[in-house]
Amino acid sequence: TIVPGYVKYFYTNELDTLIEIQKNINLKKGQKTTKGFKVQIYSCSGVNCQQKADKNFNQFLIAYPHIRAEKIWDPPSYKVRVGNCRNRFEAEKIKSEIKEDFPFIFIVPSFIDSPFQMKSERRTAE
């Protein structure tokens, strides 16, 4: 037979310390990237492509500072890709936002920063 009882919980600051240590371990050993999507706004191979990629990259950063951008040297091409999208829907949203300024864009599968990484700070339930 089961006898009803109660659970007594003792909270100590050491528990917070252990949680922070475990978060740091998870962050260091965890997966850094995962499969996702980016929006490619520029690609070129040939003369002066590096300068053109720099120009497109800088124009994008000025116009859309809230969207992550990166320049890629994928021999023999320079590419500029933006976003860090977990699914195609997120990439389509970015594409529709920027298509007036960058009309020749398309969505590409890519590795993105893992959404499971988070800084080791105390989080509260929302």
Protein backbone atom coordinates (compact mmCIF):
# COMPACT_ATOMS: atom_id res chain seq x y z
CA THR A 1 0.00 0.00 0.00
CA ILE A 2 1.05 3.54 -0.66
CA VAL A 3 0.89 5.99 2.19
CA PRO A 4 0.28 9.63 1.21
CA GLY A 5 3.06 11.92 2.27
CA TYR A 6 4.80 15.08 1.30
CA VAL A 7 8.01 16.16 -0.37
CA LYS A 8 10.22 18.63 1.38
CA TYR A 9 12.44 20.60 -0.97
CA PHE A 10 15.56 22.34 0.29
CA TYR A 11 16.85 25.05 -2.01
CA THR A 12 20.48 26.13 -1.80
CA ASN A 13 22.64 28.43 -3.88
CA GLU A 14 24.86 25.46 -4.70
CA LEU A 15 22.04 24.13 -6.88
CA ASP A 16 22.27 27.24 -9.08
CA THR A 17 26.03 26.79 -9.33
CA LEU A 18 25.64 23.17 -10.44
CA ILE A 19 23.06 24.17 -13.05
CA GLU A 20 25.41 26.84 -14.47
CA ILE A 21 28.29 24.34 -14.61
CA GLN A 22 26.11 21.84 -16.49
CA LYS A 23 24.95 24.54 -18.96
CA ASN A 24 28.58 25.41 -19.72
CA ILE A 25 29.44 21.75 -20.27
CA ASN A 26 26.47 21.35 -22.62
CA LEU A 27 27.44 24.46 -24.55
CA LYS A 28 31.06 23.34 -25.01
CA LYS A 29 30.23 19.75 -25.95
CA GLY A 30 26.98 20.44 -27.78
CA GLN A 31 26.38 20.55 -31.48
CA LYS A 32 27.56 23.89 -32.92
CA THR A 33 25.67 23.77 -36.22
CA THR A 34 22.60 22.12 -37.63
CA LYS A 35 20.89 21.90 -41.01
CA GLY A 36 18.86 24.93 -41.97
CA PHE A 37 18.49 27.57 -44.69
CA LYS A 38 20.02 30.88 -45.75
CA VAL A 39 19.12 33.39 -48.42
CA GLN A 40 21.87 33.93 -50.98
CA ILE A 41 21.91 37.54 -52.16
CA TYR A 42 25.11 37.47 -54.21
CA SER A 43 27.39 35.02 -56.01
CA CYS A 44 30.19 35.72 -58.45
CA SER A 45 33.35 34.17 -59.82
CA GLY A 46 35.86 36.10 -61.83
CA VAL A 47 37.53 39.48 -61.85
CA ASN A 48 36.69 41.94 -59.04
CA CYS A 49 34.23 39.53 -57.43
CA GLN A 50 35.70 39.95 -53.98
CA GLN A 51 35.16 43.71 -54.11
CA LYS A 52 31.62 43.25 -55.43
CA ALA A 53 30.86 40.74 -52.66
CA ASP A 54 32.21 43.22 -50.09
CA LYS A 55 29.99 45.94 -51.56
CA ASN A 56 26.86 43.76 -51.44
CA PHE A 57 27.71 42.58 -47.94
CA ASN A 58 28.16 46.14 -46.64
CA GLN A 59 25.01 47.39 -48.37
CA PHE A 60 23.05 44.58 -46.77
CA LEU A 61 24.43 45.27 -43.29
CA ILE A 62 23.48 48.96 -43.60
CA ALA A 63 19.96 48.22 -44.87
CA TYR A 64 19.21 45.23 -42.60
CA PRO A 65 21.33 45.33 -39.45
CA HIS A 66 18.91 42.99 -37.66
CA ILE A 67 19.59 40.09 -40.07
CA ARG A 68 22.80 38.07 -39.81
CA ALA A 69 24.98 38.12 -42.94
CA GLU A 70 28.17 36.36 -44.00
CA LYS A 71 30.63 36.42 -46.88
CA ILE A 72 31.79 33.05 -48.14
CA TRP A 73 34.73 32.10 -50.34
CA ASP A 74 33.63 28.86 -51.99
CA PRO A 75 36.27 28.46 -54.73
CA PRO A 76 35.96 29.79 -57.34
CA SER A 77 33.02 31.92 -56.13
CA TYR A 78 32.40 34.64 -53.58
CA LYS A 79 28.95 34.46 -52.02
CA VAL A 80 26.94 36.56 -49.61
CA ARG A 81 24.32 34.70 -47.60
CA VAL A 82 21.95 36.07 -45.01
CA GLY A 83 19.73 34.70 -42.28
CA ASN A 84 20.06 31.80 -39.91
CA CYS A 85 16.77 30.03 -40.62
CA ARG A 86 15.69 26.77 -39.03
CA ASN A 87 13.09 26.12 -41.72
CA ARG A 88 12.20 27.23 -45.22
CA PHE A 89 9.30 29.35 -43.93
CA GLU A 90 11.72 31.59 -41.99
CA ALA A 91 13.92 31.91 -45.09
CA GLU A 92 10.91 32.84 -47.25
CA LYS A 93 10.04 35.57 -44.76
CA ILE A 94 13.54 37.10 -45.06
CA LYS A 95 13.45 36.70 -48.84
CA SER A 96 10.18 38.62 -49.10
CA GLU A 97 11.53 41.36 -46.80
CA ILE A 98 14.68 42.02 -48.83
CA LYS A 99 13.68 41.19 -52.42
CA GLU A 100 13.13 44.83 -53.44
CA ASP A 101 16.73 45.75 -52.57
CA PHE A 102 18.25 42.43 -53.72
CA PRO A 103 16.08 41.09 -56.56
CA PHE A 104 18.27 38.14 -57.68
CA ILE A 105 18.12 36.05 -54.53
CA PHE A 106 17.27 32.47 -53.70
CA ILE A 107 17.08 30.15 -50.71
CA VAL A 108 19.84 27.60 -50.18
CA PRO A 109 20.16 24.73 -47.72
CA SER A 110 23.00 25.49 -45.34
CA PHE A 111 24.42 24.77 -41.94
CA ILE A 112 23.30 27.30 -39.35
CA ASP A 113 24.13 27.98 -35.72
CA SER A 114 22.44 25.38 -33.58
CA PRO A 115 19.21 26.65 -32.00
CA PHE A 116 20.02 24.55 -28.94
CA GLN A 117 22.98 26.67 -27.93
CA MET A 118 22.32 29.31 -25.38
CA LYS A 119 24.43 31.47 -23.20
CA SER A 120 24.86 30.25 -19.69
CA GLU A 121 22.75 32.79 -17.89
CA ARG A 122 19.92 32.24 -15.51
CA ARG A 123 16.66 31.79 -17.40
CA THR A 124 13.19 32.21 -15.99
CA ALA A 125 10.02 30.58 -17.20
CA GLU A 126 7.79 32.86 -19.25
